[in-house]
């Protein structure tokens, strides 16, 4: 087997792995789409050559290449540029064969080849409203432990949807939190120990950064945001639209900056009488190992200087090579202890809660 053949087989394997993840995340169409790519990518295909020519061919999974391809195809449908593809996409996909679906995909790739270039060259950005339902229990723990207003700093915020987490309504087990306005209610399936006690949370200030923030007020940028929502998950479209309306009204801004450049300024703020909360959701793994180490060092160095009157919290929801879902982790200074608060579904459908001590339920969804 040649090196090139080996790389193609690796690429096929990543599409198949993505298909399994999409199965777990409740997207039958994405399962079908990724499975077809895993079966049909050919050695002499111009499109395959383009994929293999991208940077980091040894890390297709790390750069989410299957999601880049899926995003480009979905964008063609959303912009009504390819009727052939639209006819086999949701809600029509249940009525076509795999052969018809694959032929339409190949037609779209061949006719709209240039359309794929920006999608293949940039990492996808998932703006998942329900991740705020994963953050809230962690925020409640921080509020209970400190009793202070929040200074918020979000890393890898994309369009900034999770900046307005306190504008949503929540049901955590039998508890409710929020203004109960009826616009967006996030109610993850609750497993494990009971949720933390609900209490008001005051936000003193908030800011966020992203290397390529999505300006959803720009139609092209909004298209990019929506294209990464899987085509058969209409409920995610609806929640995202509502969240963007809220975000537009609040006028929160995401700074265009690398985390390593942005963090030092944020960590140098005088946050006396507030708790400075650094938080992020499924953003850490898009950094290189050097970047992760550098940013961790920045946070831990600032944590070592924290006081009870100016504590620092680092709340994150990130993949950790374990299943199911991803880990909810909190480090709170000046104590500096790291706590695994639980695990959650990548799209926020369930939370298996452990809390600050003890073990969560053995049951998994």
Protein backbone atom coordinates (compact mmCIF):
# COMPACT_ATOMS: atom_id res chain seq x y z
CA UNK A 1 0.00 0.00 0.00
CA UNK A 2 1.40 3.38 -0.97
CA UNK A 3 1.54 6.32 1.38
CA UNK A 4 -1.19 8.07 -0.65
CA UNK A 5 -3.46 5.03 -0.49
CA UNK A 6 -2.87 4.81 3.23
CA UNK A 7 -3.85 8.47 3.65
CA UNK A 8 -7.05 7.99 1.65
CA UNK A 9 -7.97 5.01 3.80
CA UNK A 10 -7.34 7.16 6.88
CA UNK A 11 -9.59 9.87 5.42
CA UNK A 12 -12.35 7.33 4.77
CA UNK A 13 -11.99 6.16 8.34
CA UNK A 14 -12.53 9.68 9.66
CA UNK A 15 -15.77 10.04 7.69
CA UNK A 16 -16.92 6.72 9.14
CA UNK A 17 -16.00 7.89 12.66
CA UNK A 18 -17.95 11.09 12.07
CA UNK A 19 -20.91 8.98 10.97
CA UNK A 20 -20.82 7.13 14.30
CA UNK A 21 -20.74 10.42 16.21
CA UNK A 22 -23.68 11.70 14.19
CA UNK A 23 -25.57 8.54 15.06
CA UNK A 24 -25.02 9.28 18.75
CA UNK A 25 -26.09 12.90 18.21
CA UNK A 26 -29.34 12.02 16.49
CA UNK A 27 -28.74 12.96 12.84
CA UNK A 28 -29.67 10.05 10.52
CA UNK A 29 -28.99 12.17 7.44
CA UNK A 30 -25.46 13.03 8.53
CA UNK A 31 -24.86 9.35 9.26
CA UNK A 32 -25.88 8.56 5.70
CA UNK A 33 -23.85 11.41 4.19
CA UNK A 34 -20.62 10.59 5.99
CA UNK A 35 -21.01 6.86 5.36
CA UNK A 36 -21.31 7.52 1.63
CA UNK A 37 -18.09 9.53 1.66
CA UNK A 38 -16.34 6.77 3.58
CA UNK A 39 -17.36 4.29 0.88
CA UNK A 40 -16.88 6.29 -2.29
CA UNK A 41 -13.83 8.54 -1.99
CA UNK A 42 -11.63 7.53 -4.92
CA UNK A 43 -7.87 7.73 -5.42
CA UNK A 44 -8.09 9.50 -8.79
CA UNK A 45 -10.79 12.00 -7.79
CA UNK A 46 -10.04 15.71 -8.13
CA UNK A 47 -12.05 16.33 -4.98
CA UNK A 48 -10.09 13.72 -3.02
CA UNK A 49 -6.84 15.27 -4.23
CA UNK A 50 -8.06 18.63 -2.94
CA UNK A 51 -8.80 17.11 0.46
CA UNK A 52 -5.40 15.46 0.62
CA UNK A 53 -3.71 18.74 -0.32
CA UNK A 54 -5.08 20.53 2.72
CA UNK A 55 -2.76 21.27 5.66
CA UNK A 56 -2.44 18.63 8.36
CA UNK A 57 -3.37 15.54 6.28
CA UNK A 58 -2.27 13.42 9.24
CA UNK A 59 -4.94 15.03 11.44
CA UNK A 60 -8.16 15.11 9.41
CA UNK A 61 -10.14 14.49 12.59
CA UNK A 62 -8.47 17.28 14.53
CA UNK A 63 -9.43 19.82 11.85
CA UNK A 64 -12.98 18.40 11.52
CA UNK A 65 -12.65 17.81 7.79
CA UNK A 66 -15.91 15.81 7.44
CA UNK A 67 -17.83 18.73 8.96
CA UNK A 68 -16.18 21.16 6.54
CA UNK A 69 -17.43 19.11 3.61
CA UNK A 70 -20.92 18.75 5.10
CA UNK A 71 -21.09 22.49 5.77
CA UNK A 72 -20.29 23.36 2.15
CA UNK A 73 -22.93 20.99 0.83
CA UNK A 74 -25.56 22.33 3.22
CA UNK A 75 -24.71 25.91 2.28
CA UNK A 76 -25.36 25.10 -1.39
CA UNK A 77 -28.83 23.90 -0.40
CA UNK A 78 -29.58 26.87 1.86
CA UNK A 79 -28.61 29.33 -0.90
CA UNK A 80 -30.66 27.42 -3.49
CA UNK A 81 -27.68 27.24 -5.81
CA UNK A 82 -28.02 23.54 -6.57
CA UNK A 83 -31.50 22.18 -7.24
CA UNK A 84 -30.12 18.71 -7.88
CA UNK A 85 -28.73 18.58 -4.35
CA UNK A 86 -31.77 20.23 -2.74
CA UNK A 87 -34.03 17.53 -4.17
CA UNK A 88 -32.21 14.82 -2.20
CA UNK A 89 -31.60 16.82 1.01
CA UNK A 90 -33.93 16.98 4.01
CA UNK A 91 -36.88 16.85 4.05
CA UNK A 92 -36.65 14.82 0.83
CA UNK A 93 -33.80 12.47 1.76
CA UNK A 94 -36.00 9.61 2.97
CA UNK A 95 -37.38 9.16 -0.55
CA UNK A 96 -34.12 8.76 -2.48
CA UNK A 97 -31.66 5.90 -2.74
CA UNK A 98 -28.03 6.04 -1.67
CA UNK A 99 -27.06 6.01 -5.33
CA UNK A 100 -29.25 9.02 -6.10
CA UNK A 101 -27.92 10.89 -3.07
CA UNK A 102 -24.29 10.20 -3.97
CA UNK A 103 -24.84 11.19 -7.62
CA UNK A 104 -26.32 14.50 -6.47
CA UNK A 105 -23.38 15.09 -4.13
CA UNK A 106 -20.88 14.43 -6.91
CA UNK A 107 -22.83 16.72 -9.23
CA UNK A 108 -22.69 19.52 -6.64
CA UNK A 109 -18.96 19.04 -6.09
CA UNK A 110 -18.18 19.09 -9.81
CA UNK A 111 -20.41 21.99 -10.79
CA UNK A 112 -19.70 24.17 -7.74
CA UNK A 113 -16.05 23.27 -7.16
CA UNK A 114 -14.98 26.81 -6.27
CA UNK A 115 -17.75 27.10 -3.67
CA UNK A 116 -16.03 24.46 -1.55
CA UNK A 117 -12.69 26.27 -1.31
CA UNK A 118 -13.43 28.59 1.67
CA UNK A 119 -15.29 25.84 3.53
CA UNK A 120 -12.46 23.35 3.16
CA UNK A 121 -9.89 25.94 4.22
CA UNK A 122 -11.51 26.99 7.49
CA UNK A 123 -12.44 25.11 10.65
CA UNK A 124 -16.20 24.75 11.21
CA UNK A 125 -17.81 26.66 14.03
CA UNK A 126 -20.68 25.05 15.88
CA UNK A 127 -22.99 27.53 17.59
CA UNK A 128 -25.05 25.27 19.81
CA UNK A 129 -27.56 27.10 22.01
CA UNK A 130 -28.09 24.08 24.26
CA UNK A 131 -24.50 24.25 25.47
CA UNK A 132 -25.67 27.11 27.67
CA UNK A 133 -27.68 24.46 29.50
CA UNK A 134 -24.38 22.72 30.25
CA UNK A 135 -22.73 25.94 31.40
CA UNK A 136 -25.48 27.05 33.78
CA UNK A 137 -24.96 24.30 36.42
CA UNK A 138 -21.26 25.18 36.47
CA UNK A 139 -22.08 28.87 36.83
CA UNK A 140 -24.40 28.04 39.72
CA UNK A 141 -21.59 26.16 41.50
CA UNK A 142 -19.30 29.16 41.04
CA UNK A 143 -21.97 31.53 42.34
CA UNK A 144 -22.58 29.35 45.40
CA UNK A 145 -18.88 29.04 46.20
CA UNK A 146 -18.04 32.73 45.78
CA UNK A 147 -21.23 34.75 46.33
CA UNK A 148 -19.89 37.37 43.91
CA UNK A 149 -21.02 38.95 40.62
CA UNK A 150 -19.41 37.57 37.45
CA UNK A 151 -16.81 39.05 35.14
CA UNK A 152 -17.15 36.81 32.08
CA UNK A 153 -14.50 35.97 29.47
CA UNK A 154 -15.48 33.41 26.83
CA UNK A 155 -12.83 31.76 24.64
CA UNK A 156 -13.61 30.57 21.12
CA UNK A 157 -17.05 32.17 21.20
CA UNK A 158 -17.76 32.10 17.44
CA UNK A 159 -20.93 34.21 16.99
CA UNK A 160 -21.30 34.77 20.74
CA UNK A 161 -24.53 32.87 21.37
CA UNK A 162 -23.34 31.57 24.74
CA UNK A 163 -22.56 35.12 25.83
CA UNK A 164 -26.28 35.68 26.35
CA UNK A 165 -26.84 32.50 28.38
CA UNK A 166 -28.58 34.48 31.12
CA UNK A 167 -31.33 35.53 28.68
CA UNK A 168 -32.54 31.93 28.29
CA UNK A 169 -34.89 29.93 30.52
CA UNK A 170 -33.83 26.58 32.01
CA UNK A 171 -35.17 23.41 33.56
CA UNK A 172 -32.49 21.44 35.40
CA UNK A 173 -34.20 18.34 36.77
CA UNK A 174 -37.05 19.69 38.87
CA UNK A 175 -35.51 23.17 39.18
CA UNK A 176 -36.06 26.21 36.99
CA UNK A 177 -33.84 29.23 36.38
CA UNK A 178 -34.25 32.35 34.29
CA UNK A 179 -36.77 35.04 33.49
CA UNK A 180 -39.36 32.53 32.19
CA UNK A 181 -40.07 34.65 29.13
CA UNK A 182 -40.94 31.63 27.00
CA UNK A 183 -38.54 32.40 24.13
CA UNK A 184 -35.95 29.66 24.64
CA UNK A 185 -36.21 27.02 27.34
CA UNK A 186 -33.27 24.64 27.70
CA UNK A 187 -34.17 21.42 29.50
CA UNK A 188 -31.44 18.78 29.22
CA UNK A 189 -32.25 15.28 30.42
CA UNK A 190 -30.87 15.26 33.95
CA UNK A 191 -28.92 12.21 35.19
CA UNK A 192 -26.73 11.60 38.22
CA UNK A 193 -26.83 13.68 41.39
CA UNK A 194 -29.40 16.46 41.87
CA UNK A 195 -28.59 19.77 40.16
CA UNK A 196 -26.97 22.58 42.14
CA UNK A 197 -29.25 24.90 44.07
CA UNK A 198 -30.57 27.68 41.87
CA UNK A 199 -29.89 31.27 42.85
CA UNK A 200 -29.66 34.61 41.06
CA UNK A 201 -26.45 35.33 39.18
CA UNK A 202 -25.36 38.91 38.55
CA UNK A 203 -23.06 39.66 35.60
CA UNK A 204 -20.85 42.70 36.07
CA UNK A 205 -19.28 42.61 32.60
CA UNK A 206 -18.70 40.20 29.75
CA UNK A 207 -16.37 39.82 26.77
CA UNK A 208 -15.39 37.13 24.30
CA UNK A 209 -12.86 36.32 21.62
CA UNK A 210 -12.60 34.09 18.59
CA UNK A 211 -9.91 33.73 15.94
CA UNK A 212 -12.60 34.09 13.25
CA UNK A 213 -15.77 35.43 14.88
CA UNK A 214 -18.95 35.08 12.87
CA UNK A 215 -20.68 38.39 12.21
CA UNK A 216 -24.18 36.97 11.82
CA UNK A 217 -25.52 40.41 10.81
CA UNK A 218 -23.71 39.83 7.50
CA UNK A 219 -25.86 37.50 5.32
CA UNK A 220 -22.83 35.55 4.11
CA UNK A 221 -21.59 35.07 7.64
CA UNK A 222 -25.03 34.03 8.86
CA UNK A 223 -25.13 31.46 6.06
CA UNK A 224 -21.87 30.02 7.34
CA UNK A 225 -23.28 29.78 10.85
CA UNK A 226 -26.47 28.03 9.71
CA UNK A 227 -24.72 25.70 7.28
CA UNK A 228 -22.94 23.92 10.13
CA UNK A 229 -26.28 23.01 11.72
CA UNK A 230 -27.08 19.53 10.44
CA UNK A 231 -29.73 19.59 7.76
CA UNK A 232 -32.18 17.20 9.43
CA UNK A 233 -32.14 18.94 12.85
CA UNK A 234 -34.75 21.65 12.36
CA UNK A 235 -35.15 22.24 16.11
CA UNK A 236 -31.55 23.50 16.27
CA UNK A 237 -32.35 25.99 13.47
CA UNK A 238 -35.30 27.33 15.42
CA UNK A 239 -33.35 27.76 18.67
CA UNK A 240 -30.45 29.39 16.85
CA UNK A 241 -32.72 31.91 15.13
CA UNK A 242 -34.28 32.88 18.47
CA UNK A 243 -30.85 33.17 20.08
CA UNK A 244 -29.56 35.39 17.27
CA UNK A 245 -32.54 37.71 17.80
CA UNK A 246 -31.60 38.00 21.47
CA UNK A 247 -27.94 38.51 20.64
CA UNK A 248 -28.85 41.24 18.15
CA UNK A 249 -30.88 43.05 20.78
CA UNK A 250 -28.12 42.81 23.41
CA UNK A 251 -25.40 43.91 20.95
CA UNK A 252 -22.71 41.78 22.55
CA UNK A 253 -19.43 41.77 20.64
CA UNK A 254 -16.90 39.01 20.01
CA UNK A 255 -13.34 40.30 19.63
CA UNK A 256 -11.36 38.99 16.67
CA UNK A 257 -8.26 37.72 18.44
CA UNK A 258 -6.16 34.68 19.15
CA UNK A 259 -6.77 33.33 22.64
CA UNK A 260 -3.09 33.60 23.59
CA UNK A 261 -3.06 37.30 22.65
CA UNK A 262 -6.43 38.13 24.20
CA UNK A 263 -6.17 36.32 27.52
CA UNK A 264 -3.31 38.32 29.07
CA UNK A 265 -5.30 41.55 28.80
CA UNK A 266 -8.39 39.96 30.32
CA UNK A 267 -6.42 38.33 33.12
CA UNK A 268 -4.77 41.66 33.94
CA UNK A 269 -8.14 43.30 34.70
CA UNK A 270 -8.89 44.47 38.20
CA UNK A 271 -11.77 42.13 39.07
CA UNK A 272 -11.95 42.96 42.76
CA UNK A 273 -15.36 42.13 44.27
CA UNK A 274 -16.24 39.89 41.31
CA UNK A 275 -15.32 36.37 40.28
CA UNK A 276 -13.59 36.29 36.91
CA UNK A 277 -15.04 33.33 34.97
CA UNK A 278 -13.03 32.05 32.01
CA UNK A 279 -15.20 29.61 30.04
CA UNK A 280 -15.35 27.75 26.74
CA UNK A 281 -17.27 24.94 25.04
CA UNK A 282 -15.72 22.58 22.47
CA UNK A 283 -13.04 25.10 21.53
CA UNK A 284 -9.89 23.86 23.27
CA UNK A 285 -9.17 21.00 20.87
CA UNK A 286 -9.02 23.35 17.90
CA UNK A 287 -5.76 24.69 19.34
CA UNK A 288 -2.36 23.13 18.84
CA UNK A 289 -0.70 21.38 21.77
CA UNK A 290 1.65 24.34 22.19
CA UNK A 291 -1.28 26.76 22.29
CA UNK A 292 -3.11 24.64 24.85
CA UNK A 293 -0.06 24.53 27.09
CA UNK A 294 0.57 28.27 26.74
CA UNK A 295 -3.04 29.22 27.49
CA UNK A 296 -3.29 26.84 30.42
CA UNK A 297 -0.14 28.39 31.84
CA UNK A 298 -1.63 31.88 31.47
CA UNK A 299 -4.76 30.87 33.37
CA UNK A 300 -2.93 28.96 36.08
CA UNK A 301 -0.45 31.79 36.62
CA UNK A 302 -3.33 34.23 37.07
CA UNK A 303 -5.06 31.72 39.34
CA UNK A 304 -2.05 31.61 41.63
CA UNK A 305 -2.57 35.34 42.26
CA UNK A 306 -6.32 35.07 42.92
CA UNK A 307 -7.79 36.00 46.29
CA UNK A 308 -11.10 35.31 48.02
CA UNK A 309 -12.16 38.86 47.14
CA UNK A 310 -11.06 38.43 43.51
CA UNK A 311 -11.30 34.70 42.70
CA UNK A 312 -10.74 33.14 39.29
CA UNK A 313 -12.84 30.32 37.84
CA UNK A 314 -12.08 28.24 34.74
CA UNK A 315 -15.17 26.41 33.50
CA UNK A 316 -14.91 24.28 30.37
CA UNK A 317 -16.88 21.70 28.44
CA UNK A 318 -14.43 19.80 26.27
CA UNK A 319 -13.79 16.40 24.74
CA UNK A 320 -11.46 14.21 26.79
CA UNK A 321 -11.19 10.98 24.73
CA UNK A 322 -13.88 9.33 26.87
CA UNK A 323 -17.46 8.38 26.13
CA UNK A 324 -20.24 9.25 26.21
CA UNK A 325 -20.19 12.99 25.57
CA UNK A 326 -17.57 15.38 26.92
CA UNK A 327 -16.39 16.48 30.36
CA UNK A 328 -17.60 19.48 32.38
CA UNK A 329 -14.59 20.67 34.36
CA UNK A 330 -14.15 23.49 36.86
CA UNK A 331 -11.03 24.90 38.50
CA UNK A 332 -11.64 27.60 41.09
CA UNK A 333 -8.89 29.71 42.63
CA UNK A 334 -7.52 30.61 45.18
CA UNK A 335 -8.10 26.98 46.16
CA UNK A 336 -6.91 25.80 42.74
CA UNK A 337 -8.52 22.37 42.85
CA UNK A 338 -9.77 20.88 39.57
CA UNK A 339 -13.22 19.26 39.69
CA UNK A 340 -14.93 17.08 37.10
CA UNK A 341 -18.52 18.24 37.56
CA UNK A 342 -19.99 15.68 35.20
CA UNK A 343 -20.42 14.78 31.56
CA UNK A 344 -22.80 16.04 28.90
CA UNK A 345 -23.94 15.41 25.35
CA UNK A 346 -22.08 17.52 22.77
CA UNK A 347 -25.36 19.17 21.76
CA UNK A 348 -26.62 19.56 25.31
CA UNK A 349 -29.37 16.93 25.20
CA UNK A 350 -28.38 15.34 28.55
CA UNK A 351 -26.19 16.01 31.58
CA UNK A 352 -24.83 13.34 33.93
CA UNK A 353 -24.02 15.41 37.01
CA UNK A 354 -21.42 14.60 39.67
CA UNK A 355 -20.96 17.99 41.31
CA UNK A 356 -18.05 18.97 43.50
CA UNK A 357 -17.82 15.64 45.31
CA UNK A 358 -19.02 12.07 45.06
CA UNK A 359 -20.01 10.05 42.03
CA UNK A 360 -22.85 10.55 39.58
CA UNK A 361 -25.36 7.89 38.65
CA UNK A 362 -24.10 4.88 36.73
CA UNK A 363 -26.95 5.20 34.27
CA UNK A 364 -26.12 6.68 30.86
CA UNK A 365 -28.53 7.75 28.13
